[in-house]
């Protein structure tokens, strides 16, 4: 069973930055595509960014392109989401997710494509 533990959320001002981290408990981290999703109150969970097992492939929600960067350190079993130029509409609970994929170049962008989820971390951006 894979466990994912997120950290790094908090309060930021508009235009500020936060970095989220997610530690994966498995021994074959490179064989998992990883993703970040978010869910605001009263809204459905939405895709934010995804990265392949090797880290060579990434994909982003259009509204965060150029502001958010997803990366991973396979030696530390950790995936990151660097969030810059934050906006109040980025306020949400952010979730890390993992999907086993033997092809290290595959990215997964849908909620249903992921098998494991973290508990979520709150990000609040004030105007």
Foldseek 3Di string as FASTA:
>chain_A
DKAKAKDWADEAAQQAKIKMKIAIDDPCLLQKKKFKWWDAPPGDIAGAKIAFSVRPDMDGDPVQPPFWDWGDDVVRRMIMIIGGSDDQVVWTWMKMFIAGHNPRHDIDGDPVRTDDIYPTDTHGYHD
